[in-house]
Amino acid sequence: MSEFKLPHVEDLRTDATLIRGLQEDFKAIEQEDIDIRKLINDKHDDLSKQLTQLNQRLDELMNGGAM
């Protein structure tokens, strides 16, 4: 005799596994986004400092400070 199984019980188990996987994927994507934004900000800060130094040096050269 075959055992009667409720289809929605197995579907819920599958759905819970899918949702858990999606949550893990989303957390990984969020972390990658945070890491990329930090790298961009760090690079921006470095370039901004270099640009400030370059502008200061140009000001010195334009005002005869190269000697």
C-alpha atoms as a PDB file:
ATOM      1  CA  MET A   1       0.000   0.000   0.000  1.00  0.00           C
ATOM      2  CA  SER A   2       1.401   3.405  -0.921  1.00  0.00           C
ATOM      3  CA  GLU A   3       1.774   6.064   1.678  1.00  0.00           C
ATOM      4  CA  PHE A   4      -0.159   9.256   1.117  1.00  0.00           C
ATOM      5  CA  LYS A   5       2.083  12.342   1.198  1.00  0.00           C
ATOM      6  CA  LEU A   6       0.880  15.880   1.393  1.00  0.00           C
ATOM      7  CA  PRO A   7       2.495  17.734  -1.506  1.00  0.00           C
ATOM      8  CA  HIS A   8       2.540  21.079   0.263  1.00  0.00           C
ATOM      9  CA  VAL A   9       4.723  19.698   3.084  1.00  0.00           C
ATOM     10  CA  GLU A  10       7.524  18.824   0.682  1.00  0.00           C
ATOM     11  CA  ASP A  11       7.046  22.127  -1.140  1.00  0.00           C
ATOM     12  CA  LEU A  12       7.502  24.029   2.128  1.00  0.00           C
ATOM     13  CA  ARG A  13      10.721  22.161   2.824  1.00  0.00           C
ATOM     14  CA  THR A  14      11.977  22.957  -0.678  1.00  0.00           C
ATOM     15  CA  ASP A  15      10.875  26.581  -0.373  1.00  0.00           C
ATOM     16  CA  ALA A  16      12.650  26.952   2.978  1.00  0.00           C
ATOM     17  CA  THR A  17      15.854  25.556   1.476  1.00  0.00           C
ATOM     18  CA  LEU A  18      15.553  27.888  -1.497  1.00  0.00           C
ATOM     19  CA  ILE A  19      14.900  30.900   0.734  1.00  0.00           C
ATOM     20  CA  ARG A  20      17.855  30.035   2.976  1.00  0.00           C
ATOM     21  CA  GLY A  21      20.075  29.762  -0.099  1.00  0.00           C
ATOM     22  CA  LEU A  22      18.819  33.086  -1.422  1.00  0.00           C
ATOM     23  CA  GLN A  23      19.466  34.744   1.954  1.00  0.00           C
ATOM     24  CA  GLU A  24      23.040  33.433   1.962  1.00  0.00           C
ATOM     25  CA  ASP A  25      23.538  34.631  -1.613  1.00  0.00           C
ATOM     26  CA  PHE A  26      22.133  38.052  -0.751  1.00  0.00           C
ATOM     27  CA  LYS A  27      24.423  38.365   2.287  1.00  0.00           C
ATOM     28  CA  ALA A  28      27.414  37.500   0.110  1.00  0.00           C
ATOM     29  CA  ILE A  29      26.339  40.094  -2.483  1.00  0.00           C
ATOM     30  CA  GLU A  30      25.883  42.734   0.225  1.00  0.00           C
ATOM     31  CA  GLN A  31      29.352  42.005   1.618  1.00  0.00           C
ATOM     32  CA  GLU A  32      30.905  42.223  -1.858  1.00  0.00           C
ATOM     33  CA  ASP A  33      29.139  45.552  -2.403  1.00  0.00           C
ATOM     34  CA  ILE A  34      30.497  46.862   0.924  1.00  0.00           C
ATOM     35  CA  ASP A  35      34.020  45.710   0.022  1.00  0.00           C
ATOM     36  CA  ILE A  36      33.883  47.310  -3.443  1.00  0.00           C
ATOM     37  CA  ARG A  37      32.548  50.594  -2.066  1.00  0.00           C
ATOM     38  CA  LYS A  38      35.344  50.657   0.518  1.00  0.00           C
ATOM     39  CA  LEU A  39      37.952  50.085  -2.193  1.00  0.00           C
ATOM     40  CA  ILE A  40      36.452  52.862  -4.314  1.00  0.00           C
ATOM     41  CA  ASN A  41      36.393  55.264  -1.368  1.00  0.00           C
ATOM     42  CA  ASP A  42      39.964  54.388  -0.397  1.00  0.00           C
ATOM     43  CA  LYS A  43      41.155  54.902  -3.973  1.00  0.00           C
ATOM     44  CA  HIS A  44      39.205  58.167  -4.164  1.00  0.00           C
ATOM     45  CA  ASP A  45      40.824  59.382  -0.949  1.00  0.00           C
ATOM     46  CA  ASP A  46      44.296  58.462  -2.242  1.00  0.00           C
ATOM     47  CA  LEU A  47      43.700  60.227  -5.556  1.00  0.00           C
ATOM     48  CA  SER A  48      42.256  63.260  -3.786  1.00  0.00           C
ATOM     49  CA  LYS A  49      45.365  63.533  -1.596  1.00  0.00           C
ATOM     50  CA  GLN A  50      47.634  63.193  -4.621  1.00  0.00           C
ATOM     51  CA  LEU A  51      45.668  65.849  -6.483  1.00  0.00           C
ATOM     52  CA  THR A  52      45.921  68.211  -3.506  1.00  0.00           C
ATOM     53  CA  GLN A  53      49.686  67.647  -3.343  1.00  0.00           C
ATOM     54  CA  LEU A  54      49.997  68.217  -7.087  1.00  0.00           C
ATOM     55  CA  ASN A  55      48.021  71.455  -6.874  1.00  0.00           C
ATOM     56  CA  GLN A  56      50.179  72.662  -3.987  1.00  0.00           C
ATOM     57  CA  ARG A  57      53.329  71.894  -5.949  1.00  0.00           C
ATOM     58  CA  LEU A  58      51.970  73.670  -9.030  1.00  0.00           C
ATOM     59  CA  ASP A  59      51.161  76.701  -6.891  1.00  0.00           C
ATOM     60  CA  GLU A  60      54.709  76.670  -5.565  1.00  0.00           C
ATOM     61  CA  LEU A  61      56.165  76.445  -9.060  1.00  0.00           C
ATOM     62  CA  MET A  62      53.902  79.209 -10.382  1.00  0.00           C
ATOM     63  CA  ASN A  63      54.902  81.482  -7.515  1.00  0.00           C
ATOM     64  CA  GLY A  64      58.631  80.896  -7.926  1.00  0.00           C
ATOM     65  CA  GLY A  65      58.981  78.389  -5.109  1.00  0.00           C
ATOM     66  CA  ALA A  66      61.046  75.924  -7.183  1.00  0.00           C
ATOM     67  CA  MET A  67      64.312  77.494  -6.131  1.00  0.00           C
END
